[in-house]
Protein backbone atom coordinates (compact mmCIF):
# COMPACT_ATOMS: atom_id res chain seq x y z
CA UNK A 1 3.52 14.18 -24.91
CA UNK A 2 3.50 17.58 -26.50
CA UNK A 3 0.02 18.08 -25.34
CA UNK A 4 0.57 17.24 -21.99
CA UNK A 5 3.44 19.58 -21.89
CA UNK A 6 0.90 22.59 -22.11
CA UNK A 7 -0.35 21.45 -18.64
CA UNK A 8 2.74 19.75 -17.11
CA UNK A 9 5.45 22.14 -15.48
CA UNK A 10 8.26 20.84 -17.34
CA UNK A 11 10.59 22.44 -14.84
CA UNK A 12 9.21 20.45 -12.01
CA UNK A 13 9.18 17.14 -14.11
CA UNK A 14 13.09 17.50 -14.46
CA UNK A 15 13.08 17.46 -10.35
CA UNK A 16 10.41 14.70 -10.60
CA UNK A 17 12.46 12.51 -12.18
CA UNK A 18 15.39 13.34 -9.89
CA UNK A 19 13.21 12.41 -6.99
CA UNK A 20 11.36 9.29 -8.46
CA UNK A 21 15.03 7.96 -9.33
CA UNK A 22 16.36 8.38 -5.97
CA UNK A 23 12.83 6.77 -4.37
CA UNK A 24 13.70 3.77 -6.80
CA UNK A 25 17.30 3.51 -5.59
CA UNK A 26 16.13 3.52 -2.04
CA UNK A 27 13.88 0.71 -2.73
CA UNK A 28 16.62 -1.00 -4.22
CA UNK A 29 18.63 -0.58 -1.11
CA UNK A 30 15.94 -1.45 1.07
CA UNK A 31 15.34 -4.65 -0.92
CA UNK A 32 19.22 -5.42 -0.79
CA UNK A 33 19.08 -5.10 2.94
CA UNK A 34 16.18 -7.22 3.65
CA UNK A 35 17.99 -9.76 1.66
CA UNK A 36 21.06 -9.60 3.15
CA UNK A 37 19.68 -9.70 6.41
CA UNK A 38 17.46 -13.27 6.24
CA UNK A 39 20.15 -14.59 3.77
CA UNK A 40 22.71 -14.15 6.85
CA UNK A 41 20.23 -15.71 9.40
CA UNK A 42 19.55 -18.56 7.12
CA UNK A 43 23.12 -19.52 5.89
CA UNK A 44 25.28 -18.38 8.75
CA UNK A 45 23.23 -20.31 11.04
CA UNK A 46 22.03 -17.19 13.13
CA UNK A 47 18.13 -18.18 12.79
CA UNK A 48 19.08 -21.78 14.51
CA UNK A 49 21.02 -20.21 17.31
CA UNK A 50 18.65 -17.54 18.05
CA UNK A 51 16.13 -20.41 18.67
CA UNK A 52 18.63 -22.07 20.77
CA UNK A 53 18.93 -19.38 22.98
CA UNK A 54 15.43 -18.83 23.79
CA UNK A 55 15.16 -22.18 24.51
CA UNK A 56 17.34 -21.81 27.33
CA UNK A 57 14.39 -19.84 29.02
CA UNK A 58 11.59 -21.16 27.84
CA UNK A 59 9.98 -24.52 26.04
CA UNK A 60 6.56 -23.88 25.19
CA UNK A 61 6.18 -23.68 21.50
CA UNK A 62 3.94 -20.76 21.31
CA UNK A 63 6.21 -18.82 23.76
CA UNK A 64 9.27 -19.89 21.61
CA UNK A 65 7.71 -18.53 18.42
CA UNK A 66 6.37 -15.21 19.84
CA UNK A 67 9.92 -14.28 21.13
CA UNK A 68 11.68 -15.46 18.05
CA UNK A 69 9.53 -13.36 15.84
CA UNK A 70 10.02 -10.46 18.24
CA UNK A 71 13.54 -11.06 18.39
CA UNK A 72 14.03 -11.18 14.93
CA UNK A 73 11.85 -8.33 13.62
CA UNK A 74 13.23 -6.07 16.23
CA UNK A 75 16.66 -6.38 15.47
CA UNK A 76 15.64 -6.22 11.51
CA UNK A 77 13.56 -2.50 12.45
CA UNK A 78 16.87 -1.26 14.40
CA UNK A 79 19.11 -2.11 11.42
CA UNK A 80 16.99 -0.77 8.75
CA UNK A 81 16.07 2.47 11.07
CA UNK A 82 18.92 4.76 9.73
CA UNK A 83 17.62 4.11 6.02
CA UNK A 84 13.93 4.45 6.87
CA UNK A 85 14.65 7.60 8.54
CA UNK A 86 16.48 9.16 5.72
CA UNK A 87 13.70 8.19 3.17
CA UNK A 88 10.89 8.84 4.96
CA UNK A 89 11.89 12.21 7.18
CA UNK A 90 15.17 13.42 5.88
CA UNK A 91 14.93 13.03 2.03
CA UNK A 92 10.85 14.06 2.20
CA UNK A 93 12.23 17.37 4.17
CA UNK A 94 14.76 17.87 1.54
CA UNK A 95 11.99 18.31 -1.30
CA UNK A 96 9.81 20.22 1.43
CA UNK A 97 6.94 17.65 1.15
CA UNK A 98 7.29 16.33 5.12
CA UNK A 99 5.77 18.47 7.72
CA UNK A 100 6.55 16.23 10.43
CA UNK A 101 8.96 17.19 13.28
CA UNK A 102 11.71 14.77 14.71
CA UNK A 103 9.82 13.46 17.42
CA UNK A 104 6.38 12.92 15.50
CA UNK A 105 8.15 11.10 12.65
CA UNK A 106 9.53 8.60 15.63
CA UNK A 107 6.10 8.54 17.26
CA UNK A 108 4.76 7.32 14.24
CA UNK A 109 7.58 4.78 13.52
CA UNK A 110 7.20 3.45 17.03
CA UNK A 111 3.35 3.00 16.45
CA UNK A 112 3.84 1.20 12.99
CA UNK A 113 6.46 -1.04 14.59
CA UNK A 114 3.80 -1.74 17.45
CA UNK A 115 1.25 -2.35 15.00
CA UNK A 116 3.20 -4.61 12.80
CA UNK A 117 4.65 -6.74 15.77
CA UNK A 118 1.23 -7.07 17.41
CA UNK A 119 0.00 -8.66 13.92
CA UNK A 120 2.90 -10.48 12.93
CA UNK A 121 2.97 -12.49 16.30
CA UNK A 122 -0.32 -13.81 16.22
CA UNK A 123 -0.17 -14.52 12.52
CA UNK A 124 3.06 -16.64 12.60
CA UNK A 125 1.63 -18.54 15.61
CA UNK A 126 -1.40 -19.44 13.23
CA UNK A 127 0.86 -20.17 10.52
CA UNK A 128 2.97 -22.52 12.33
CA UNK A 129 0.35 -24.08 13.98
CA UNK A 130 -1.42 -24.91 10.60
CA UNK A 131 2.10 -26.36 9.69
CA UNK A 132 2.20 -28.58 12.81
CA UNK A 133 -1.34 -29.73 12.55
CA UNK A 134 -1.43 -29.59 8.94
CA UNK A 135 1.81 -30.54 7.41
CA UNK A 136 0.66 -31.69 3.84
CA UNK A 137 -1.79 -29.06 3.02
CA UNK A 138 -1.25 -25.85 5.68
CA UNK A 139 -1.20 -23.13 2.76
CA UNK A 140 -5.04 -23.98 2.36
CA UNK A 141 -5.84 -23.51 5.85
CA UNK A 142 -3.58 -20.27 6.17
CA UNK A 143 -5.24 -18.87 2.80
CA UNK A 144 -8.67 -19.47 4.38
CA UNK A 145 -7.58 -17.62 7.39
CA UNK A 146 -6.44 -14.85 5.48
CA UNK A 147 -9.41 -14.23 3.54
CA UNK A 148 -11.25 -13.52 6.86
CA UNK A 149 -8.01 -11.39 8.08
CA UNK A 150 -7.92 -9.39 4.93
CA UNK A 151 -11.55 -8.58 5.31
CA UNK A 152 -11.51 -8.02 8.76
CA UNK A 153 -8.78 -5.39 8.16
CA UNK A 154 -10.26 -3.71 5.21
CA UNK A 155 -13.37 -3.15 7.57
CA UNK A 156 -11.49 -1.92 10.64
CA UNK A 157 -9.19 0.35 8.33
CA UNK A 158 -11.05 3.49 8.55
CA UNK A 159 -12.18 3.16 12.09
CA UNK A 160 -9.50 1.89 13.83
CA UNK A 161 -6.07 1.70 11.66
CA UNK A 162 -6.01 5.00 9.93
CA UNK A 163 -7.05 7.08 13.39
CA UNK A 164 -3.77 5.52 14.63
CA UNK A 165 -2.08 8.03 12.69
CA UNK A 166 -4.31 10.56 11.41
CA UNK A 167 -7.63 12.55 12.28
CA UNK A 168 -10.64 11.66 10.05
CA UNK A 169 -13.58 14.38 10.05
CA UNK A 170 -16.86 14.08 8.26
CA UNK A 171 -17.45 16.66 5.78
CA UNK A 172 -20.78 18.44 6.63
CA UNK A 173 -23.50 17.60 4.18
CA UNK A 174 -24.12 21.27 3.67
CA UNK A 175 -20.90 22.09 2.74
CA UNK A 176 -21.11 22.79 -1.37
CA UNK A 177 -18.60 20.44 -2.12
CA UNK A 178 -20.75 17.59 -0.38
CA UNK A 179 -23.93 18.78 -1.79
CA UNK A 180 -22.25 18.33 -5.44
CA UNK A 181 -21.15 14.65 -4.19
CA UNK A 182 -24.54 13.66 -3.00
CA UNK A 183 -25.88 14.78 -6.33
CA UNK A 184 -23.53 12.95 -8.04
CA UNK A 185 -24.13 9.55 -5.98
CA UNK A 186 -27.90 10.47 -6.59
CA UNK A 187 -27.43 10.18 -10.34
CA UNK A 188 -26.36 6.74 -10.24
CA UNK A 189 -28.18 5.76 -7.44
CA UNK A 190 -25.54 4.49 -4.89
CA UNK A 191 -24.70 5.48 -1.37
CA UNK A 192 -21.67 5.87 0.58
CA UNK A 193 -21.04 6.14 4.38
CA UNK A 194 -19.75 9.56 3.96
CA UNK A 195 -16.86 11.53 2.78
CA UNK A 196 -14.12 12.26 5.21
CA UNK A 197 -11.47 14.86 5.45
CA UNK A 198 -8.11 13.57 6.87
CA UNK A 199 -5.58 15.58 7.77
CA UNK A 200 -2.63 14.93 5.67
CA UNK A 201 -0.96 18.21 6.02
CA UNK A 202 0.08 16.60 9.59
CA UNK A 203 2.43 14.91 7.60
CA UNK A 204 2.99 15.91 4.30
CA UNK A 205 2.19 18.61 1.76
CA UNK A 206 0.97 15.68 -0.79
CA UNK A 207 -2.21 15.60 -1.92
CA UNK A 208 -4.63 12.18 -2.03
CA UNK A 209 -8.30 11.04 -2.14
CA UNK A 210 -9.02 7.10 -1.69
CA UNK A 211 -11.83 4.54 -1.10
CA UNK A 212 -11.65 2.85 2.56
CA UNK A 213 -13.54 0.51 4.59
CA UNK A 214 -16.16 -2.21 3.60
CA UNK A 215 -19.80 -2.70 4.41
CA UNK A 216 -20.99 -0.13 6.74
CA UNK A 217 -17.56 1.55 7.26
CA UNK A 218 -16.74 2.15 3.46
CA UNK A 219 -16.24 5.66 3.02
CA UNK A 220 -14.31 7.89 0.68
CA UNK A 221 -11.51 9.76 1.91
CA UNK A 222 -10.18 13.33 0.70
CA UNK A 223 -7.00 14.87 2.02
CA UNK A 224 -7.35 18.15 3.53
CA UNK A 225 -4.37 19.14 1.22
CA UNK A 226 -6.63 18.70 -1.75
CA UNK A 227 -9.46 20.22 -0.37
CA UNK A 228 -7.46 23.33 0.11
CA UNK A 229 -5.25 23.68 -2.90
CA UNK A 230 -7.90 22.12 -5.69
CA UNK A 231 -10.96 23.89 -7.13
CA UNK A 232 -14.32 22.50 -6.37
CA UNK A 233 -14.54 21.25 -9.88
CA UNK A 234 -11.30 19.18 -9.47
CA UNK A 235 -12.31 17.63 -5.99
CA UNK A 236 -15.64 16.78 -7.51
CA UNK A 237 -13.55 14.77 -10.56
CA UNK A 238 -11.56 13.21 -7.87
CA UNK A 239 -14.20 12.23 -5.93
CA UNK A 240 -16.02 10.81 -9.04
CA UNK A 241 -12.87 8.72 -9.78
CA UNK A 242 -13.28 7.21 -6.24
CA UNK A 243 -17.14 6.88 -6.85
CA UNK A 244 -16.33 4.90 -9.67
CA UNK A 245 -14.34 2.40 -7.86
CA UNK A 246 -17.23 1.82 -5.78
CA UNK A 247 -19.30 1.19 -8.42
CA UNK A 248 -17.37 -1.19 -9.87
CA UNK A 249 -16.98 -3.06 -6.81
CA UNK A 250 -12.97 -2.64 -7.26
CA UNK A 251 -12.43 -3.32 -3.31
CA UNK A 252 -14.12 -6.19 -3.26
CA UNK A 253 -12.57 -7.54 -6.69
CA UNK A 254 -9.30 -6.40 -5.14
CA UNK A 255 -9.73 -8.73 -2.01
CA UNK A 256 -10.45 -11.42 -4.37
CA UNK A 257 -7.26 -10.92 -6.34
CA UNK A 258 -5.06 -10.50 -3.22
CA UNK A 259 -6.12 -13.55 -1.73
CA UNK A 260 -5.76 -15.53 -4.59
CA UNK A 261 -2.19 -14.25 -4.79
CA UNK A 262 -1.84 -15.21 -1.07
CA UNK A 263 -2.99 -18.85 -2.15
CA UNK A 264 -0.03 -19.16 -4.86
CA UNK A 265 2.50 -17.77 -2.49
CA UNK A 266 1.60 -19.76 0.28
CA UNK A 267 1.60 -23.00 -2.02
CA UNK A 268 5.05 -22.07 -3.58
CA UNK A 269 6.44 -21.04 -0.37
CA UNK A 270 5.19 -24.52 1.21
CA UNK A 271 7.39 -26.02 -1.37
CA UNK A 272 10.36 -23.98 -0.85
CA UNK A 273 10.15 -24.77 2.87
CA UNK A 274 10.35 -28.54 2.48
CA UNK A 275 13.27 -28.43 0.24
CA UNK A 276 15.34 -25.90 2.52
CA UNK A 277 14.00 -27.90 5.63
CA UNK A 278 15.66 -30.98 4.42
CA UNK A 279 18.77 -29.31 3.10
CA UNK A 280 18.96 -27.32 6.57
CA UNK A 281 17.87 -30.05 8.59
CA UNK A 282 15.14 -28.36 10.22
CA UNK A 283 11.69 -29.93 11.18
CA UNK A 284 8.97 -28.15 8.66
CA UNK A 285 7.37 -26.73 11.83
CA UNK A 286 10.67 -25.14 13.21
CA UNK A 287 10.71 -21.62 13.49
CA UNK A 288 14.50 -21.36 12.69
CA UNK A 289 13.00 -21.67 8.95
CA UNK A 290 11.02 -18.48 9.49
CA UNK A 291 13.89 -16.38 7.23
CA UNK A 292 13.45 -19.35 4.57
CA UNK A 293 9.34 -18.30 4.75
CA UNK A 294 9.77 -14.44 4.97
CA UNK A 295 12.18 -14.35 1.85
CA UNK A 296 9.97 -16.71 -0.11
CA UNK A 297 6.83 -14.74 0.58
CA UNK A 298 8.36 -11.32 -0.22
CA UNK A 299 9.94 -12.69 -3.42
CA UNK A 300 6.77 -14.67 -4.64
CA UNK A 301 4.35 -11.81 -3.92
CA UNK A 302 6.71 -9.27 -5.62
CA UNK A 303 6.53 -11.53 -8.84
CA UNK A 304 2.72 -11.72 -8.23
CA UNK A 305 2.63 -8.47 -7.94
CA UNK A 306 3.28 -7.35 -11.54
CA UNK A 307 0.03 -9.06 -13.13
CA UNK A 308 -1.73 -7.24 -9.80
CA UNK A 309 -0.19 -3.87 -11.00
CA UNK A 310 -1.27 -4.59 -14.24
CA UNK A 311 -4.75 -5.05 -13.19
CA UNK A 312 -4.57 -2.24 -10.83
CA UNK A 313 -3.86 0.20 -13.51
CA UNK A 314 -6.91 -1.14 -15.59
CA UNK A 315 -9.13 -0.64 -12.60
CA UNK A 316 -7.91 2.87 -12.49
CA UNK A 317 -8.54 3.59 -16.53
CA UNK A 318 -12.28 2.43 -15.93
CA UNK A 319 -12.48 5.01 -12.95
CA UNK A 320 -11.21 7.45 -14.93
CA UNK A 321 -13.49 7.15 -17.59
CA UNK A 322 -16.34 7.01 -15.29
CA UNK A 323 -15.13 10.42 -13.77
CA UNK A 324 -15.13 11.78 -16.95
CA UNK A 325 -18.53 10.83 -18.29
CA UNK A 326 -20.25 11.06 -15.54
CA UNK A 327 -19.25 14.63 -14.64
CA UNK A 328 -18.07 15.77 -18.19
CA UNK A 329 -15.43 18.17 -16.48
CA UNK A 330 -12.46 17.40 -18.76
CA UNK A 331 -10.54 20.46 -17.88
CA UNK A 332 -11.03 20.31 -14.13
CA UNK A 333 -9.52 16.57 -14.31
CA UNK A 334 -7.15 17.36 -16.50
CA UNK A 335 -5.79 20.49 -14.21
CA UNK A 336 -6.07 17.84 -11.04
CA UNK A 337 -3.73 15.43 -12.65
CA UNK A 338 -1.49 18.27 -13.46
CA UNK A 339 -1.50 19.45 -10.06
CA UNK A 340 -0.93 15.94 -8.71
CA UNK A 341 2.18 15.64 -10.74
CA UNK A 342 3.50 19.49 -10.12
CA UNK A 343 2.85 19.73 -6.64
CA UNK A 344 3.57 16.00 -5.44
CA UNK A 345 6.45 15.72 -8.06
CA UNK A 346 4.82 12.55 -9.95
CA UNK A 347 6.77 11.24 -12.67
CA UNK A 348 4.52 11.85 -15.49
CA UNK A 349 6.55 10.22 -18.24
CA UNK A 350 8.17 7.02 -16.24
CA UNK A 351 10.22 4.77 -18.14
CA UNK A 352 7.86 1.95 -19.30
CA UNK A 353 9.77 -0.79 -17.63
CA UNK A 354 9.31 1.09 -14.45
CA UNK A 355 5.63 1.83 -15.22
CA UNK A 356 5.02 -2.18 -15.92
CA UNK A 357 6.75 -3.24 -12.63
CA UNK A 358 5.88 -1.08 -9.99
CA UNK A 359 3.11 1.28 -10.99
CA UNK A 360 -0.34 0.55 -9.56
CA UNK A 361 -1.96 3.58 -12.00
CA UNK A 362 -1.42 4.53 -15.38
CA UNK A 363 1.24 7.45 -15.75
CA UNK A 364 -0.44 11.08 -15.38
CA UNK A 365 0.47 11.51 -19.30
CA UNK A 366 -1.34 9.03 -20.31
CA UNK A 367 -4.19 9.68 -18.10
CA UNK A 368 -3.95 13.48 -19.36
CA UNK A 369 -3.88 12.44 -22.94
CA UNK A 370 -7.07 10.18 -22.69
CA UNK A 371 -8.67 13.03 -21.06
CA UNK A 372 -7.84 15.81 -24.08
CA UNK A 373 -8.41 12.79 -26.70
CA UNK A 374 -12.21 12.31 -24.47
CA UNK A 375 -12.75 16.31 -24.94
CA UNK A 376 -12.05 16.12 -28.59
CA UNK A 377 -14.84 13.28 -28.89
CA UNK A 378 -17.42 14.88 -26.78
CA UNK A 379 -16.95 18.17 -29.20
């Protein structure tokens, strides 16, 4: 920690603690709201009532499911809107991160709502079709479908999903940074579709870089905030980290583990649905038990997420090691990590339990300490 204090602004860390603790509190409040909403639907019999009201107008199974999902999710979005607005707009403006106007924020919120609804309705139609046709093994059918959906969304993400909210611009190959990145790729005999700049500054002052896409849509995406505020050496090291993910095939491995998680989640949800359907006297394929399905999936995925976060932190360690070894630019790595924490108010010293439960990356202090030890080893 003493070594980290030399590059991490300790005054900023006081702010970071406050900022991150409040974000954790907002997550707890959001989780409580989600649980309360769906528990009320279950135990106050509102779920059954909603379905019965819909049956007064239509009786085709797929139409009932579509209208039920539309109503339940829209109602939840309206109830959670004040919290969502405060946490992602008001709170982010308070800490001078958000660059959006109220109008822009609502445009993005509406797009997110429509996108989630356009995915949720056909997905739930497919799940309840599988429950009707394969009541004993529906979780296997749905898990196979999930694999295809995950791969498809991964493929489409940079060319369809991301452009709904951001502008992506390919960085020309005569750019000095791109020349450096091409040399890095050539050294390890690997290729990327391209390096793209994303206009994060249209929404936030925070910086980021990530690997996106699959197959011929795979690319490395770097925020304009990072390109503007980080040196060439720092940007190169950040790129090398993302390149490490590609070399280690982390995206493919991630898809495998995520789908394994969904298989387990669907299986245990199938057991819970059987119990609750008997208790609530619903048919297994009755859309009225959707709140039980949703709650079960969320809780199980959260629990499965703990070992997945551990695995994710291990992948990030390996990408850090790769970046340090291939670039040998340890000082640039350290200063880039310091900028991430000082500019974006990342908690460099999170409580161990918080890091264990929620962090997909090792804490900044651990990453900086590792880099400093790496520097000592190479002399």
